[in-house]
């Protein structure tokens, strides 16, 4: 069974509206800044920081992650209202995903740095992963089931899988699936302590790759039950997802990417597609030596041919729990444009045996598989297809 994707929205360091993000991404533009411009850090790295955010109209505490989420929510409003018209407000659910939630605001309140002003009042409920859910549902006019998910960097795609289950089990006819993450000191220092951040902009699947570039952003889609009205409104279709965990290590992936292999194969099976029918892989592609090698191994095992592969984190940075949905929305635009977005700053690594797309490339794009792999072996894949 496929599901209609009738709305999509995105915001990140490339811009706070979809058209700007798409134009810059497909032109091969990045927008990273020195971390020292935002944090007092004793090391060198760059970050993908969103511009100043407007949050008027969202009835919840104005944390940074709320503003980042709202940048996409505003764009999604027409599609969400159309889904409510088709199915009724009580039949439209909301699944939100985040890796950090309002952690930046928690840092300000509980562990103030000399350069960070002390927050006057603090409530965990205002900063939790689900803190924006009631306000977003009110803004979009939703009255259905709602839940929040946090599974590290696979959060967005895990939310997508949860949305499908809500539809399949008759709990919803449409689901607004969203994800947002903001940068914070815990994330920046934490990834650096693991030796995963690069001093300069990330170089996924490159011979000289040295680590990831952290970013922030939001991405949202509206998923609907297959029907005549939803098919007419569809931007693309969701053919299948798979979520799995190999539980190999707290932070290190299985060297053969067993969880990733499982996810890709199962997502293909649910979409009733063979590996040969996939136009390209939108890789997790963090730019770290081990993760890229592991993912390359998994891709080669699943496809057994030199399939085109791109890593959008070279454009947006690693937006943590939002990374998967960010790639999904870019894949939807790729299907519309019939063009594969580029992987920037690539010095080919012949040892990986992958065919990395280095420039914006016109192509016949019918089906895209998107990967999102997180800590603890929390893996997810999704197949996005051209609308029928």
Foldseek 3Di string as FASTA:
>chain_A
DKWFWQFKWKFWLQHLGDVSLLVCQLQPHAHWDWPVVPDVDPAFFIAREGDDFDQPQQPAPDAPQNRQQVSGLVRGQVSLLVQCVVFNQAQEEEEEEEAQFRVQLVCLAPPNDPVRHHDPDDDVCRRDRCRRVVRSCVSNVHNYHYDYDHDKFQGQQVSVVVQVVCCVVVRHFKYKGKYWYADHPCVVVVCVVVQAGDNYQFAFQAPPQRHFHYITHMMIIMIGHDDDVSLVSGLWMWQFKDKDFPLPAQFAADQQNPLQLVGVVVQCVSSVHALVQAQAEAECGRRHPRVRLNVLNSVCVRNVDQHEYAYSCSHRTRNMNRRQNVVVSSVSVCQVVQWDGARDPHHHDVVSSHHYHHHTGRHNGAKYKYWTAGGSRTIMIIIIGGRD
